Amino acid sequence: MIRRRLAVGAASEQYYLSLDDYIDVDRLRSMNDGLEAKLLNLLEEEPERVGLFSAGERLDPNGSTQSGTRTVRLRNQFRGGYSEIHCGDSWEDSESVADFPELMRFVASLPLKSYGRCFIIFDDKGVIELPHRDHGDPKLKQEFMWFRTNRKKRFYIYERSSGTKHYVESYSAWFDTRHFHGVDPADGLSLSVRVDGVFTDEFRNTVAALQQGLVQPEGYSVWEKMIRRCQTKFGGG
């Protein structure tokens, strides 16, 4: 693991944590061309293996939960529900894993004890992903890593009180998924990968130490403990 400081996304008023100092950014960037080519090939040759991204809760309650953004799922859940998306023993590799060996080796290098959900989100049509949040449960805090092989994706955390979009500028990030967030259209193909799992103890402690530096989601009076110690009723992470 790369062990340096963990930066707060200062340019975006501390709405996210940049994880770039805890991953190999050069290695991540080197995967870009191959990853883009494979995604475009899947769209052309095997479109049935490409799904549509479905958001959790839209800021506009009348809006569709599907925008047209595409996904490739690298793991499938075979038991449990949303509260177990981090649990490695509730997920298994999908057939698409074989198409992305370099990406999966990179995922294995992340500071995670184990991981559950893992998927690629991408768009090549300039789709607007309207503000949404994953959930509104104050007791559900998630451990995950979000990253991208280039910075074309215009991903932002949305501040409802002012309508401000706080764009993520780093290659990788962690943010509180109770915040509404979205994506503005970009030229060409834009992508990101999300991996939900269980942080190593050291990494969890590092992230948790910075929790007070982040802006809390609107509607919550206290942070409590932002990083939960992921436990699963099935007996492991």
Protein backbone atom coordinates (compact mmCIF):
# COMPACT_ATOMS: atom_id res chain seq x y z
CA MET A 1 0.00 0.00 0.00
CA ILE A 2 1.14 3.56 -0.67
CA ARG A 3 1.31 5.21 2.74
CA ARG A 4 1.20 8.98 2.64
CA ARG A 5 -1.22 11.54 3.89
CA LEU A 6 -4.93 11.29 3.14
CA ALA A 7 -6.06 14.57 1.60
CA VAL A 8 -9.36 16.32 2.06
CA GLY A 9 -10.84 17.68 -1.16
CA ALA A 10 -9.95 21.25 -0.29
CA ALA A 11 -10.84 22.62 -3.72
CA SER A 12 -14.41 21.43 -3.21
CA GLU A 13 -14.88 22.82 0.33
CA GLN A 14 -14.25 19.47 1.95
CA TYR A 15 -17.18 17.55 0.53
CA TYR A 16 -15.01 14.53 -0.23
CA LEU A 17 -11.71 12.91 0.67
CA SER A 18 -9.15 12.45 -2.07
CA LEU A 19 -7.66 8.96 -1.81
CA ASP A 20 -4.94 9.57 -4.38
CA ASP A 21 -2.18 9.30 -1.80
CA TYR A 22 -3.32 5.79 -0.89
CA ILE A 23 -3.46 4.29 -4.35
CA ASP A 24 -1.04 3.98 -7.26
CA VAL A 25 -2.33 6.77 -9.52
CA ASP A 26 0.27 6.12 -12.23
CA ARG A 27 -0.82 2.50 -12.44
CA LEU A 28 -4.46 3.59 -12.51
CA ARG A 29 -3.87 6.05 -15.35
CA SER A 30 -1.94 3.47 -17.36
CA MET A 31 -5.08 1.31 -17.57
CA ASN A 32 -7.17 4.00 -19.23
CA ASP A 33 -6.79 3.17 -22.94
CA GLY A 34 -7.30 -0.54 -22.48
CA LEU A 35 -10.29 -0.06 -20.20
CA GLU A 36 -11.97 2.38 -22.59
CA ALA A 37 -11.38 0.07 -25.56
CA LYS A 38 -12.84 -2.92 -23.72
CA LEU A 39 -15.96 -1.02 -22.67
CA LEU A 40 -16.62 0.19 -26.21
CA ASN A 41 -16.05 -3.33 -27.52
CA LEU A 42 -18.59 -4.72 -25.04
CA LEU A 43 -21.14 -2.18 -26.19
CA GLU A 44 -20.66 -3.24 -29.79
CA GLU A 45 -20.11 -6.97 -29.48
CA GLU A 46 -21.94 -8.01 -26.30
CA PRO A 47 -24.43 -5.27 -25.36
CA GLU A 48 -26.43 -7.73 -23.24
CA ARG A 49 -23.60 -7.65 -20.70
CA VAL A 50 -23.92 -3.89 -20.26
CA GLY A 51 -26.61 -2.64 -17.89
CA LEU A 52 -28.16 0.72 -17.04
CA PHE A 53 -27.22 2.57 -13.88
CA SER A 54 -30.12 2.90 -11.44
CA ALA A 55 -29.92 5.66 -8.84
CA GLY A 56 -31.14 5.32 -5.28
CA GLU A 57 -33.10 8.44 -4.33
CA ARG A 58 -33.45 11.32 -6.78
CA LEU A 59 -33.40 14.91 -5.60
CA ASP A 60 -36.43 15.32 -7.84
CA PRO A 61 -38.84 12.66 -6.52
CA ASN A 62 -40.64 12.64 -9.87
CA GLY A 63 -37.48 11.94 -11.84
CA SER A 64 -36.60 8.58 -13.36
CA THR A 65 -34.09 6.46 -11.47
CA GLN A 66 -32.43 5.55 -14.79
CA SER A 67 -30.61 8.18 -16.83
CA GLY A 68 -28.98 6.14 -19.57
CA THR A 69 -25.59 5.86 -17.88
CA ARG A 70 -24.20 2.36 -18.42
CA THR A 71 -22.68 -0.15 -16.03
CA VAL A 72 -20.65 -3.33 -16.12
CA ARG A 73 -21.00 -5.36 -12.94
CA LEU A 74 -17.86 -7.17 -11.91
CA ARG A 75 -19.51 -8.94 -8.99
CA ASN A 76 -23.01 -10.28 -8.41
CA GLN A 77 -24.80 -10.41 -5.07
CA PHE A 78 -26.25 -13.81 -4.21
CA ARG A 79 -27.61 -13.12 -0.72
CA GLY A 80 -28.44 -10.22 1.54
CA GLY A 81 -29.61 -6.77 0.51
CA TYR A 82 -28.35 -3.23 0.15
CA SER A 83 -26.97 -3.09 3.69
CA GLU A 84 -24.61 -5.93 2.74
CA ILE A 85 -23.10 -4.38 -0.40
CA HIS A 86 -19.73 -4.29 1.38
CA CYS A 87 -19.77 -7.96 2.43
CA GLY A 88 -17.36 -10.12 0.49
CA ASP A 89 -19.13 -13.32 1.46
CA SER A 90 -22.40 -12.09 -0.09
CA TRP A 91 -20.92 -11.52 -3.54
CA GLU A 92 -19.22 -13.54 -6.26
CA ASP A 93 -17.32 -12.63 -9.41
CA SER A 94 -19.37 -12.07 -12.55
CA GLU A 95 -18.38 -13.34 -15.99
CA SER A 96 -17.11 -9.86 -16.82
CA VAL A 97 -14.18 -10.21 -14.41
CA ALA A 98 -12.31 -12.22 -17.05
CA ASP A 99 -12.43 -9.22 -19.39
CA PHE A 100 -10.76 -6.85 -16.94
CA PRO A 101 -7.81 -8.71 -15.38
CA GLU A 102 -5.63 -5.62 -14.96
CA LEU A 103 -8.43 -3.72 -13.28
CA MET A 104 -9.13 -6.60 -10.91
CA ARG A 105 -5.45 -6.80 -9.95
CA PHE A 106 -5.62 -3.09 -9.16
CA VAL A 107 -8.73 -3.62 -7.01
CA ALA A 108 -6.84 -6.34 -5.12
CA SER A 109 -4.13 -3.80 -4.27
CA LEU A 110 -6.50 -1.38 -2.54
CA PRO A 111 -6.45 -0.96 1.27
CA LEU A 112 -9.42 -3.26 1.77
CA LYS A 113 -9.65 -6.39 3.87
CA SER A 114 -12.27 -7.69 1.45
CA TYR A 115 -14.84 -6.30 -0.91
CA GLY A 116 -18.38 -6.99 -2.10
CA ARG A 117 -19.94 -4.87 -4.81
CA CYS A 118 -17.64 -3.79 -7.64
CA PHE A 119 -18.79 -2.17 -10.87
CA ILE A 120 -17.82 0.19 -13.68
CA ILE A 121 -20.04 3.17 -14.50
CA PHE A 122 -19.48 4.80 -17.90
CA ASP A 123 -21.03 7.01 -20.54
CA ASP A 124 -20.15 7.91 -24.13
CA LYS A 125 -23.32 9.85 -25.04
CA GLY A 126 -23.03 12.94 -22.86
CA VAL A 127 -25.72 11.76 -20.44
CA ILE A 128 -26.66 14.01 -17.53
CA GLU A 129 -26.84 12.10 -14.25
CA LEU A 130 -29.19 14.21 -12.14
CA PRO A 131 -28.53 14.64 -8.40
CA HIS A 132 -29.33 11.55 -6.36
CA ARG A 133 -28.13 9.93 -3.18
CA ASP A 134 -27.54 6.30 -2.35
CA HIS A 135 -29.67 6.33 0.80
CA GLY A 136 -30.87 8.50 3.68
CA ASP A 137 -30.32 6.11 6.56
CA PRO A 138 -28.34 7.89 9.32
CA LYS A 139 -27.23 4.51 10.71
CA LEU A 140 -25.81 3.24 7.43
CA LYS A 141 -22.29 4.48 6.81
CA GLN A 142 -20.43 2.97 3.91
CA GLU A 143 -16.83 2.00 3.30
CA PHE A 144 -15.98 2.17 -0.39
CA MET A 145 -13.47 3.52 -2.87
CA TRP A 146 -14.43 5.47 -5.99
CA PHE A 147 -11.82 5.95 -8.69
CA ARG A 148 -11.33 6.70 -12.38
CA THR A 149 -8.56 6.24 -14.93
CA ASN A 150 -8.86 9.80 -16.24
CA ARG A 151 -10.49 12.95 -14.95
CA LYS A 152 -12.97 13.54 -17.77
CA LYS A 153 -15.95 12.48 -15.68
CA ARG A 154 -17.59 15.59 -14.21
CA PHE A 155 -18.71 14.06 -10.93
CA TYR A 156 -19.90 16.39 -8.19
CA ILE A 157 -21.39 16.56 -4.71
CA TYR A 158 -24.50 18.72 -4.69
CA GLU A 159 -25.15 21.35 -2.04
CA ARG A 160 -28.92 21.71 -1.86
CA SER A 161 -29.04 24.96 0.11
CA SER A 162 -27.14 26.92 -2.54
CA GLY A 163 -27.42 24.71 -5.62
CA THR A 164 -23.62 24.53 -5.76
CA LYS A 165 -21.90 21.60 -7.47
CA HIS A 166 -18.65 20.64 -5.74
CA TYR A 167 -16.68 18.78 -8.40
CA VAL A 168 -14.33 15.96 -7.46
CA GLU A 169 -10.92 16.82 -8.86
CA SER A 170 -8.93 13.79 -7.78
CA TYR A 171 -8.57 10.39 -9.43
CA SER A 172 -10.08 8.68 -6.41
CA ALA A 173 -12.36 9.68 -3.57
CA TRP A 174 -14.50 8.80 -0.61
CA PHE A 175 -17.62 10.82 0.24
CA ASP A 176 -20.68 10.40 2.41
CA THR A 177 -23.26 8.72 0.17
CA ARG A 178 -26.06 10.52 2.01
CA HIS A 179 -25.01 13.61 0.06
CA PHE A 180 -26.81 14.13 -3.22
CA HIS A 181 -24.38 13.78 -6.10
CA GLY A 182 -24.49 13.71 -9.89
CA VAL A 183 -22.57 13.92 -13.15
CA ASP A 184 -22.52 16.60 -15.83
CA PRO A 185 -22.00 15.55 -19.48
CA ALA A 186 -18.45 15.17 -20.79
CA ASP A 187 -16.93 14.87 -24.24
CA GLY A 188 -16.11 11.32 -25.26
CA LEU A 189 -16.16 8.35 -22.93
CA SER A 190 -16.09 9.04 -19.19
CA LEU A 191 -15.93 6.36 -16.52
CA SER A 192 -15.47 5.52 -12.89
CA VAL A 193 -15.25 2.38 -10.76
CA ARG A 194 -16.75 1.86 -7.33
CA VAL A 195 -15.68 -0.85 -4.91
CA ASP A 196 -17.63 -1.38 -1.68
CA GLY A 197 -15.81 -3.32 0.99
CA VAL A 198 -14.18 -3.35 4.41
CA PHE A 199 -11.27 -0.95 4.97
CA THR A 200 -8.13 -2.20 6.61
CA ASP A 201 -7.94 -1.08 10.23
CA GLU A 202 -5.18 1.40 9.46
CA PHE A 203 -7.00 2.93 6.52
CA ARG A 204 -10.28 3.12 8.43
CA ASN A 205 -8.59 4.95 11.28
CA THR A 206 -6.98 7.39 8.86
CA VAL A 207 -10.25 8.17 7.10
CA ALA A 208 -12.22 8.39 10.35
CA ALA A 209 -9.73 10.87 11.78
CA LEU A 210 -10.64 13.32 9.02
CA GLN A 211 -14.42 13.00 9.31
CA GLN A 212 -14.86 16.28 11.16
CA GLY A 213 -13.25 18.10 8.25
CA LEU A 214 -16.07 17.22 5.88
CA VAL A 215 -19.33 19.07 5.34
CA GLN A 216 -22.17 16.99 6.73
CA PRO A 217 -25.20 16.12 4.60
CA GLU A 218 -28.07 18.57 4.98
CA GLY A 219 -30.73 17.33 7.35
CA TYR A 220 -28.29 15.65 9.75
CA SER A 221 -27.40 17.47 12.97
CA VAL A 222 -24.42 15.31 13.95
CA TRP A 223 -21.95 13.07 12.18
CA GLU A 224 -21.95 10.40 14.86
CA LYS A 225 -19.29 7.95 13.59
CA MET A 226 -19.12 8.47 9.87
CA ILE A 227 -17.18 5.30 9.13
CA ARG A 228 -18.95 2.22 10.37
CA ARG A 229 -17.07 -0.92 11.31
CA CYS A 230 -18.51 -3.16 8.66
CA GLN A 231 -19.90 -6.34 10.09
CA THR A 232 -22.14 -8.82 8.38
CA LYS A 233 -24.66 -11.20 9.85
CA PHE A 234 -23.07 -13.87 7.67
CA GLY A 235 -19.88 -13.79 9.70
CA GLY A 236 -17.28 -11.78 7.84
CA GLY A 237 -16.45 -8.95 5.50
